[in-house]
Amino acid sequence: MHSHIEFGYPWYLDYGHLVITAVVLPLFVLGWLRKWHRLLLIPIGAVMLWSMAGFLISRFGLDANGRMTLPTQAFLVGGSGKVLDMGAGTGRSSLMVLEARPKSTLVALDSFGASYAGHFGAAGNDEQVLAAGQERLLANFRAAGVEQRASIQPGDMRHMPFEASTFDAIVSAYAIDHLGFNGAKQSLAEAARVLKPDGEFLLMVITKDAWMNYLWGPLLMHAGMRGAGGWTEMLNEAGFQVAERGTKPVTLYFLSRKR
C-alpha cells in the first residue's frame, strides 16, 4: 500500500546537497593525494562536510516524500472529530492525521494554484493544475485506504470557504509559513474562525534555528521563516492559547487551543 503513495516533492529537497558533494568530494580526494596546501584543503573539506550533513538532515529529517507521524500524541487524543488540513498539498499531513486517528474525518484544503504547481511540478493552465492536484491527492487517499473518511476542498487558506465553527481540529504542515507575514496572519485568523470553541490547532513549520539554516543552505529557506517567539505571538493574536511547543528534525510545532 505504501509503495503506491506518491507525494511528488522535487528530488532536490532530498538529494540536492549530493550534487555539491559529488563535485567537492573528488576534488578533496585529489587535493589530499597531491598534498595541496591546507589553506586550500580546509575550505574544500568544509564544503564537503556541509553538503553531506545537509543531505542527511534533508533526507532523513524532513524526508519530504516519506510518511509523517504526529509530532505530539496530545493532538486529538479523543481519536475522533472533523479535521481540516490547511494547505494539504499531496496529502502528507492529511494521512498523518487520518492514520493516527482512525475515527476522525478530514477535509483537505489547498488552492492547487501557482504554489502547488511550483512545489509538485504540476503543469498546464489553472483548470488542469486543479484537476491534477485533486486527482493526485485522491489517489494517495485511496492508496492509504482512507478515502471514505476524507474529502477535498479547493480554496485559499487566507479566505476559506467554510462557515464559522465548522471543525473540531485543524492541522497545517509546512504551508502557512510560505505565505509571508501578512498571509500567515490572515490564515491564522481564518483558522480561528472556522474552528469550534476550545478546538485544537496543530501548526507545523520549518524551523528557523540558525545552525540548521547553514546546513540547509537555500534549499529549504523561504520568506515566511520565523522563530518560535514570533509564531507564538501570532497564534496568540489570532485567538489561540499555545498548550505545547516543541521541535522535531527540521520542524517546529505548536499545539494550540482556541480561546
C-alpha atoms as a PDB file:
ATOM      1  CA  MET A   1       0.000   0.000   0.000  1.00  0.00           C
ATOM      2  CA  HIS A   2       2.779   2.398   0.934  1.00  0.00           C
ATOM      3  CA  SER A   3       4.540   1.898  -2.409  1.00  0.00           C
ATOM      4  CA  HIS A   4       1.576   3.381  -4.284  1.00  0.00           C
ATOM      5  CA  ILE A   5       1.629   6.657  -2.367  1.00  0.00           C
ATOM      6  CA  GLU A   6       3.443   9.402  -4.240  1.00  0.00           C
ATOM      7  CA  PHE A   7       3.795  12.800  -2.596  1.00  0.00           C
ATOM      8  CA  GLY A   8       5.660  14.274  -5.545  1.00  0.00           C
ATOM      9  CA  TYR A   9       8.071  16.729  -3.922  1.00  0.00           C
ATOM     10  CA  PRO A  10      11.039  17.625  -6.165  1.00  0.00           C
ATOM     11  CA  TRP A  11      14.136  15.450  -5.928  1.00  0.00           C
ATOM     12  CA  TYR A  12      16.400  18.257  -4.798  1.00  0.00           C
ATOM     13  CA  LEU A  13      14.678  18.553  -1.394  1.00  0.00           C
ATOM     14  CA  ASP A  14      16.019  15.111  -0.522  1.00  0.00           C
ATOM     15  CA  TYR A  15      19.108  14.867  -2.699  1.00  0.00           C
ATOM     16  CA  GLY A  16      20.089  18.383  -3.774  1.00  0.00           C
ATOM     17  CA  HIS A  17      23.057  18.548  -1.409  1.00  0.00           C
ATOM     18  CA  LEU A  18      24.532  15.439  -3.007  1.00  0.00           C
ATOM     19  CA  VAL A  19      25.109  17.379  -6.230  1.00  0.00           C
ATOM     20  CA  ILE A  20      27.569  19.552  -4.307  1.00  0.00           C
ATOM     21  CA  THR A  21      29.076  16.506  -2.607  1.00  0.00           C
ATOM     22  CA  ALA A  22      29.633  14.879  -5.999  1.00  0.00           C
ATOM     23  CA  VAL A  23      31.700  17.893  -7.061  1.00  0.00           C
ATOM     24  CA  VAL A  24      33.733  18.642  -3.942  1.00  0.00           C
ATOM     25  CA  LEU A  25      34.429  15.090  -2.717  1.00  0.00           C
ATOM     26  CA  PRO A  26      36.582  14.092  -5.734  1.00  0.00           C
ATOM     27  CA  LEU A  27      38.249  17.499  -5.555  1.00  0.00           C
ATOM     28  CA  PHE A  28      39.068  16.959  -1.886  1.00  0.00           C
ATOM     29  CA  VAL A  29      40.431  13.455  -2.533  1.00  0.00           C
ATOM     30  CA  LEU A  30      42.555  14.781  -5.410  1.00  0.00           C
ATOM     31  CA  GLY A  31      43.927  17.552  -3.238  1.00  0.00           C
ATOM     32  CA  TRP A  32      44.663  15.148  -0.396  1.00  0.00           C
ATOM     33  CA  LEU A  33      46.546  12.764  -2.680  1.00  0.00           C
ATOM     34  CA  ARG A  34      48.518  15.590  -4.282  1.00  0.00           C
ATOM     35  CA  LYS A  35      49.186  17.211  -0.907  1.00  0.00           C
ATOM     36  CA  TRP A  36      47.627  20.584  -1.645  1.00  0.00           C
ATOM     37  CA  HIS A  37      48.194  23.292   0.903  1.00  0.00           C
ATOM     38  CA  ARG A  38      45.874  23.103   3.916  1.00  0.00           C
ATOM     39  CA  LEU A  39      44.605  26.623   3.248  1.00  0.00           C
ATOM     40  CA  LEU A  40      43.034  25.181   0.121  1.00  0.00           C
ATOM     41  CA  LEU A  41      42.055  21.779   1.506  1.00  0.00           C
ATOM     42  CA  ILE A  42      40.297  23.095   4.621  1.00  0.00           C
ATOM     43  CA  PRO A  43      37.607  25.147   2.800  1.00  0.00           C
ATOM     44  CA  ILE A  44      37.041  22.328   0.294  1.00  0.00           C
ATOM     45  CA  GLY A  45      36.668  19.866   3.161  1.00  0.00           C
ATOM     46  CA  ALA A  46      34.305  22.220   4.991  1.00  0.00           C
ATOM     47  CA  VAL A  47      32.033  22.470   1.944  1.00  0.00           C
ATOM     48  CA  MET A  48      32.136  18.689   1.581  1.00  0.00           C
ATOM     49  CA  LEU A  49      31.113  18.126   5.212  1.00  0.00           C
ATOM     50  CA  TRP A  50      28.390  20.786   4.955  1.00  0.00           C
ATOM     51  CA  SER A  51      26.862  19.184   1.872  1.00  0.00           C
ATOM     52  CA  MET A  52      26.906  15.724   3.435  1.00  0.00           C
ATOM     53  CA  ALA A  53      25.338  16.964   6.681  1.00  0.00           C
ATOM     54  CA  GLY A  54      22.723  18.914   4.725  1.00  0.00           C
ATOM     55  CA  PHE A  55      21.828  15.772   2.792  1.00  0.00           C
ATOM     56  CA  LEU A  56      21.394  13.698   5.946  1.00  0.00           C
ATOM     57  CA  ILE A  57      19.127  16.297   7.562  1.00  0.00           C
ATOM     58  CA  SER A  58      17.048  16.880   4.435  1.00  0.00           C
ATOM     59  CA  ARG A  59      16.741  13.211   3.520  1.00  0.00           C
ATOM     60  CA  PHE A  60      16.184  11.688   6.942  1.00  0.00           C
ATOM     61  CA  GLY A  61      14.974  14.708   8.939  1.00  0.00           C
ATOM     62  CA  LEU A  62      12.491  16.309   6.577  1.00  0.00           C
ATOM     63  CA  ASP A  63      12.073  13.240   4.314  1.00  0.00           C
ATOM     64  CA  ALA A  64       9.728  15.207   2.079  1.00  0.00           C
ATOM     65  CA  ASN A  65       8.483  12.163   0.176  1.00  0.00           C
ATOM     66  CA  GLY A  66       8.124   9.899   3.198  1.00  0.00           C
ATOM     67  CA  ARG A  67       5.256   9.328   5.602  1.00  0.00           C
ATOM     68  CA  MET A  68       4.797  11.695   8.535  1.00  0.00           C
ATOM     69  CA  THR A  69       3.993  10.919  12.150  1.00  0.00           C
ATOM     70  CA  LEU A  70       2.256  13.215  14.596  1.00  0.00           C
ATOM     71  CA  PRO A  71       4.845  15.350  16.394  1.00  0.00           C
ATOM     72  CA  THR A  72       2.759  15.079  19.573  1.00  0.00           C
ATOM     73  CA  GLN A  73       0.266  12.477  20.744  1.00  0.00           C
ATOM     74  CA  ALA A  74      -1.660  15.206  22.571  1.00  0.00           C
ATOM     75  CA  PHE A  75      -3.384  16.188  19.334  1.00  0.00           C
ATOM     76  CA  LEU A  76      -6.972  14.935  19.099  1.00  0.00           C
ATOM     77  CA  VAL A  77      -6.489  12.437  21.913  1.00  0.00           C
ATOM     78  CA  GLY A  78     -10.170  11.523  21.795  1.00  0.00           C
ATOM     79  CA  GLY A  79      -9.439   9.945  18.418  1.00  0.00           C
ATOM     80  CA  SER A  80     -12.470  11.328  16.591  1.00  0.00           C
ATOM     81  CA  GLY A  81     -13.662  14.607  15.162  1.00  0.00           C
ATOM     82  CA  LYS A  82     -13.863  16.604  11.954  1.00  0.00           C
ATOM     83  CA  VAL A  83     -10.401  17.856  10.998  1.00  0.00           C
ATOM     84  CA  LEU A  84      -9.285  20.477   8.478  1.00  0.00           C
ATOM     85  CA  ASP A  85      -5.890  20.208   6.779  1.00  0.00           C
ATOM     86  CA  MET A  86      -4.903  23.732   5.709  1.00  0.00           C
ATOM     87  CA  GLY A  87      -2.586  23.545   2.709  1.00  0.00           C
ATOM     88  CA  ALA A  88      -2.856  19.792   2.258  1.00  0.00           C
ATOM     89  CA  GLY A  89      -0.729  19.603  -0.894  1.00  0.00           C
ATOM     90  CA  THR A  90      -0.460  15.967  -1.912  1.00  0.00           C
ATOM     91  CA  GLY A  91      -1.637  14.675   1.456  1.00  0.00           C
ATOM     92  CA  ARG A  92       1.319  14.029   3.769  1.00  0.00           C
ATOM     93  CA  SER A  93      -0.232  15.829   6.739  1.00  0.00           C
ATOM     94  CA  SER A  94      -3.709  14.539   5.893  1.00  0.00           C
ATOM     95  CA  LEU A  95      -2.541  10.935   6.006  1.00  0.00           C
ATOM     96  CA  MET A  96      -0.605  11.677   9.187  1.00  0.00           C
ATOM     97  CA  VAL A  97      -3.874  12.567  10.941  1.00  0.00           C
ATOM     98  CA  LEU A  98      -6.164  10.019   9.313  1.00  0.00           C
ATOM     99  CA  GLU A  99      -3.854   7.113  10.055  1.00  0.00           C
ATOM    100  CA  ALA A 100      -3.034   8.187  13.614  1.00  0.00           C
ATOM    101  CA  ARG A 101      -6.682   8.947  14.430  1.00  0.00           C
ATOM    102  CA  PRO A 102      -8.724   6.276  12.589  1.00  0.00           C
ATOM    103  CA  LYS A 103     -12.080   7.539  13.896  1.00  0.00           C
ATOM    104  CA  SER A 104     -11.584  11.048  12.515  1.00  0.00           C
ATOM    105  CA  THR A 105     -12.749  12.548   9.232  1.00  0.00           C
ATOM    106  CA  LEU A 106     -10.811  15.179   7.317  1.00  0.00           C
ATOM    107  CA  VAL A 107     -11.262  17.928   4.752  1.00  0.00           C
ATOM    108  CA  ALA A 108      -8.120  18.604   2.712  1.00  0.00           C
ATOM    109  CA  LEU A 109      -7.924  22.257   1.650  1.00  0.00           C
ATOM    110  CA  ASP A 110      -5.475  23.523  -0.970  1.00  0.00           C
ATOM    111  CA  SER A 111      -5.532  26.267  -3.561  1.00  0.00           C
ATOM    112  CA  PHE A 112      -3.994  23.974  -6.215  1.00  0.00           C
ATOM    113  CA  GLY A 113      -2.562  27.143  -7.717  1.00  0.00           C
ATOM    114  CA  ALA A 114       0.874  28.529  -8.553  1.00  0.00           C
ATOM    115  CA  SER A 115       2.441  27.483  -5.249  1.00  0.00           C
ATOM    116  CA  TYR A 116       1.146  23.934  -5.661  1.00  0.00           C
ATOM    117  CA  ALA A 117       2.418  23.764  -9.239  1.00  0.00           C
ATOM    118  CA  GLY A 118       5.829  25.040  -8.166  1.00  0.00           C
ATOM    119  CA  HIS A 119       6.204  22.548  -5.323  1.00  0.00           C
ATOM    120  CA  PHE A 120       4.891  19.476  -7.113  1.00  0.00           C
ATOM    121  CA  GLY A 121       5.703  20.120 -10.753  1.00  0.00           C
ATOM    122  CA  ALA A 122       2.122  20.253 -11.986  1.00  0.00           C
ATOM    123  CA  ALA A 123       1.898  21.681 -15.495  1.00  0.00           C
ATOM    124  CA  GLY A 124      -0.886  23.280 -17.513  1.00  0.00           C
ATOM    125  CA  ASN A 125      -3.444  26.019 -17.050  1.00  0.00           C
ATOM    126  CA  ASP A 126      -5.281  26.692 -13.795  1.00  0.00           C
ATOM    127  CA  GLU A 127      -8.007  24.162 -14.506  1.00  0.00           C
ATOM    128  CA  GLN A 128      -5.513  21.450 -15.423  1.00  0.00           C
ATOM    129  CA  VAL A 129      -3.410  22.036 -12.301  1.00  0.00           C
ATOM    130  CA  LEU A 130      -6.559  21.989 -10.169  1.00  0.00           C
ATOM    131  CA  ALA A 131      -7.730  18.703 -11.710  1.00  0.00           C
ATOM    132  CA  ALA A 132      -4.291  17.089 -11.465  1.00  0.00           C
ATOM    133  CA  GLY A 133      -3.836  18.217  -7.868  1.00  0.00           C
ATOM    134  CA  GLN A 134      -7.163  16.817  -6.743  1.00  0.00           C
ATOM    135  CA  GLU A 135      -6.552  13.552  -8.567  1.00  0.00           C
ATOM    136  CA  ARG A 136      -3.112  13.077  -7.014  1.00  0.00           C
ATOM    137  CA  LEU A 137      -4.481  13.783  -3.552  1.00  0.00           C
ATOM    138  CA  LEU A 138      -7.399  11.427  -4.058  1.00  0.00           C
ATOM    139  CA  ALA A 139      -5.048   8.727  -5.378  1.00  0.00           C
ATOM    140  CA  ASN A 140      -2.994   8.946  -2.196  1.00  0.00           C
ATOM    141  CA  PHE A 141      -6.123   8.710  -0.061  1.00  0.00           C
ATOM    142  CA  ARG A 142      -7.172   5.614  -1.978  1.00  0.00           C
ATOM    143  CA  ALA A 143      -3.722   4.040  -1.715  1.00  0.00           C
ATOM    144  CA  ALA A 144      -3.775   4.544   2.057  1.00  0.00           C
ATOM    145  CA  GLY A 145      -7.332   3.213   2.312  1.00  0.00           C
ATOM    146  CA  VAL A 146      -8.734   6.388   3.896  1.00  0.00           C
ATOM    147  CA  GLU A 147     -10.736   7.850   1.002  1.00  0.00           C
ATOM    148  CA  GLN A 148     -14.035   7.170   2.780  1.00  0.00           C
ATOM    149  CA  ARG A 149     -13.025   9.482   5.622  1.00  0.00           C
ATOM    150  CA  ALA A 150     -11.522  12.283   3.523  1.00  0.00           C
ATOM    151  CA  SER A 151     -12.813  14.936   1.157  1.00  0.00           C
ATOM    152  CA  ILE A 152     -11.072  17.609  -0.930  1.00  0.00           C
ATOM    153  CA  GLN A 153     -11.930  21.308  -0.993  1.00  0.00           C
ATOM    154  CA  PRO A 154     -10.124  23.739  -3.298  1.00  0.00           C
ATOM    155  CA  GLY A 155      -9.627  27.072  -1.574  1.00  0.00           C
ATOM    156  CA  ASP A 156      -7.284  29.724  -0.249  1.00  0.00           C
ATOM    157  CA  MET A 157      -6.131  29.440   3.382  1.00  0.00           C
ATOM    158  CA  ARG A 158      -6.494  33.194   3.710  1.00  0.00           C
ATOM    159  CA  HIS A 159     -10.185  33.156   2.711  1.00  0.00           C
ATOM    160  CA  MET A 160     -11.549  29.707   3.449  1.00  0.00           C
ATOM    161  CA  PRO A 161     -14.923  28.597   2.067  1.00  0.00           C
ATOM    162  CA  PHE A 162     -16.291  27.301   5.379  1.00  0.00           C
ATOM    163  CA  GLU A 163     -18.798  28.526   7.915  1.00  0.00           C
ATOM    164  CA  ALA A 164     -17.599  29.624  11.337  1.00  0.00           C
ATOM    165  CA  SER A 165     -17.020  26.895  13.958  1.00  0.00           C
ATOM    166  CA  THR A 166     -17.072  24.057  11.421  1.00  0.00           C
ATOM    167  CA  PHE A 167     -14.146  21.923  12.595  1.00  0.00           C
ATOM    168  CA  ASP A 168     -13.167  20.151  15.802  1.00  0.00           C
ATOM    169  CA  ALA A 169      -9.465  20.362  14.966  1.00  0.00           C
ATOM    170  CA  ILE A 170      -7.098  21.799  12.347  1.00  0.00           C
ATOM    171  CA  VAL A 171      -3.662  20.746  11.155  1.00  0.00           C
ATOM    172  CA  SER A 172      -1.318  22.707   8.911  1.00  0.00           C
ATOM    173  CA  ALA A 173       2.149  21.437   7.997  1.00  0.00           C
ATOM    174  CA  TYR A 174       4.768  23.458   6.109  1.00  0.00           C
ATOM    175  CA  ALA A 175       2.153  25.594   4.407  1.00  0.00           C
ATOM    176  CA  ILE A 176       1.296  28.748   6.362  1.00  0.00           C
ATOM    177  CA  ASP A 177       4.973  29.660   6.686  1.00  0.00           C
ATOM    178  CA  HIS A 178       5.152  30.031   2.886  1.00  0.00           C
ATOM    179  CA  LEU A 179       2.719  32.939   2.873  1.00  0.00           C
ATOM    180  CA  GLY A 180       4.819  35.695   4.393  1.00  0.00           C
ATOM    181  CA  PHE A 181       3.864  37.763   7.413  1.00  0.00           C
ATOM    182  CA  ASN A 182       0.509  39.173   6.284  1.00  0.00           C
ATOM    183  CA  GLY A 183      -0.607  35.951   4.635  1.00  0.00           C
ATOM    184  CA  ALA A 184       0.274  33.952   7.728  1.00  0.00           C
ATOM    185  CA  LYS A 185      -1.703  36.322   9.948  1.00  0.00           C
ATOM    186  CA  GLN A 186      -4.723  36.066   7.654  1.00  0.00           C
ATOM    187  CA  SER A 187      -4.527  32.270   7.630  1.00  0.00           C
ATOM    188  CA  LEU A 188      -4.263  32.023  11.405  1.00  0.00           C
ATOM    189  CA  ALA A 189      -7.255  34.323  11.794  1.00  0.00           C
ATOM    190  CA  GLU A 190      -9.203  32.135   9.372  1.00  0.00           C
ATOM    191  CA  ALA A 191      -8.180  29.035  11.318  1.00  0.00           C
ATOM    192  CA  ALA A 192      -9.590  30.578  14.469  1.00  0.00           C
ATOM    193  CA  ARG A 193     -12.810  31.498  12.657  1.00  0.00           C
ATOM    194  CA  VAL A 194     -13.590  28.020  11.277  1.00  0.00           C
ATOM    195  CA  LEU A 195     -12.510  26.162  14.422  1.00  0.00           C
ATOM    196  CA  LYS A 196     -15.034  25.361  17.121  1.00  0.00           C
ATOM    197  CA  PRO A 197     -14.572  26.918  20.580  1.00  0.00           C
ATOM    198  CA  ASP A 198     -11.901  25.018  22.506  1.00  0.00           C
ATOM    199  CA  GLY A 199     -10.878  23.283  19.273  1.00  0.00           C
ATOM    200  CA  GLU A 200      -7.278  22.220  18.656  1.00  0.00           C
ATOM    201  CA  PHE A 201      -4.845  23.583  16.098  1.00  0.00           C
ATOM    202  CA  LEU A 202      -1.620  21.734  15.278  1.00  0.00           C
ATOM    203  CA  LEU A 203       0.757  24.004  13.374  1.00  0.00           C
ATOM    204  CA  MET A 204       3.986  22.621  11.911  1.00  0.00           C
ATOM    205  CA  VAL A 205       6.540  24.895  10.227  1.00  0.00           C
ATOM    206  CA  ILE A 206      10.132  24.734   9.053  1.00  0.00           C
ATOM    207  CA  THR A 207      12.357  25.599  11.999  1.00  0.00           C
ATOM    208  CA  LYS A 208      14.488  28.730  11.914  1.00  0.00           C
ATOM    209  CA  ASP A 209      17.413  27.514  14.011  1.00  0.00           C
ATOM    210  CA  ALA A 210      20.473  29.385  12.753  1.00  0.00           C
ATOM    211  CA  TRP A 211      22.751  26.351  12.621  1.00  0.00           C
ATOM    212  CA  MET A 212      20.127  24.381  10.713  1.00  0.00           C
ATOM    213  CA  ASN A 213      19.852  27.182   8.141  1.00  0.00           C
ATOM    214  CA  TYR A 214      23.570  26.896   7.491  1.00  0.00           C
ATOM    215  CA  LEU A 215      23.195  23.171   6.898  1.00  0.00           C
ATOM    216  CA  TRP A 216      20.263  23.537   4.538  1.00  0.00           C
ATOM    217  CA  GLY A 217      21.570  26.456   2.571  1.00  0.00           C
ATOM    218  CA  PRO A 218      18.952  27.792   0.162  1.00  0.00           C
ATOM    219  CA  LEU A 219      17.080  24.517  -0.327  1.00  0.00           C
ATOM    220  CA  LEU A 220      14.537  24.911   2.463  1.00  0.00           C
ATOM    221  CA  MET A 221      14.665  28.602   3.289  1.00  0.00           C
ATOM    222  CA  HIS A 222      11.832  30.938   2.379  1.00  0.00           C
ATOM    223  CA  ALA A 223      10.486  34.323   3.332  1.00  0.00           C
ATOM    224  CA  GLY A 224       7.971  33.066   5.889  1.00  0.00           C
ATOM    225  CA  MET A 225      10.503  31.553   8.285  1.00  0.00           C
ATOM    226  CA  ARG A 226      10.427  32.968  11.819  1.00  0.00           C
ATOM    227  CA  GLY A 227      11.323  31.835  15.309  1.00  0.00           C
ATOM    228  CA  ALA A 228       9.218  30.186  17.994  1.00  0.00           C
ATOM    229  CA  GLY A 229       8.517  33.502  19.707  1.00  0.00           C
ATOM    230  CA  GLY A 230       7.174  35.062  16.530  1.00  0.00           C
ATOM    231  CA  TRP A 231       4.811  32.177  15.868  1.00  0.00           C
ATOM    232  CA  THR A 232       3.618  32.136  19.464  1.00  0.00           C
ATOM    233  CA  GLU A 233       2.813  35.833  19.276  1.00  0.00           C
ATOM    234  CA  MET A 234       0.905  35.412  16.025  1.00  0.00           C
ATOM    235  CA  LEU A 235      -1.077  32.476  17.402  1.00  0.00           C
ATOM    236  CA  ASN A 236      -1.988  34.466  20.492  1.00  0.00           C
ATOM    237  CA  GLU A 237      -3.105  37.427  18.396  1.00  0.00           C
ATOM    238  CA  ALA A 238      -5.323  35.122  16.312  1.00  0.00           C
ATOM    239  CA  GLY A 239      -7.102  33.844  19.431  1.00  0.00           C
ATOM    240  CA  PHE A 240      -5.162  30.694  20.287  1.00  0.00           C
ATOM    241  CA  GLN A 241      -3.540  29.586  23.524  1.00  0.00           C
ATOM    242  CA  VAL A 242      -0.386  27.528  22.950  1.00  0.00           C
ATOM    243  CA  ALA A 243      -0.576  24.351  25.042  1.00  0.00           C
ATOM    244  CA  GLU A 244       2.552  22.621  23.753  1.00  0.00           C
ATOM    245  CA  ARG A 245       5.552  23.691  21.712  1.00  0.00           C
ATOM    246  CA  GLY A 246       8.378  21.501  20.526  1.00  0.00           C
ATOM    247  CA  THR A 247      10.867  20.625  17.839  1.00  0.00           C
ATOM    248  CA  LYS A 248      11.411  17.630  15.626  1.00  0.00           C
ATOM    249  CA  PRO A 249      14.087  17.263  12.948  1.00  0.00           C
ATOM    250  CA  VAL A 250      13.644  20.284  10.653  1.00  0.00           C
ATOM    251  CA  THR A 251      10.297  21.072  12.309  1.00  0.00           C
ATOM    252  CA  LEU A 252       8.923  23.490  14.877  1.00  0.00           C
ATOM    253  CA  TYR A 253       5.424  22.591  16.053  1.00  0.00           C
ATOM    254  CA  PHE A 254       2.717  24.225  18.165  1.00  0.00           C
ATOM    255  CA  LEU A 255      -0.351  22.567  19.641  1.00  0.00           C
ATOM    256  CA  SER A 256      -2.832  25.329  20.424  1.00  0.00           C
ATOM    257  CA  ARG A 257      -6.390  25.614  21.592  1.00  0.00           C
ATOM    258  CA  LYS A 258      -8.923  28.223  20.519  1.00  0.00           C
ATOM    259  CA  ARG A 259      -9.752  30.536  23.390  1.00  0.00           C
END
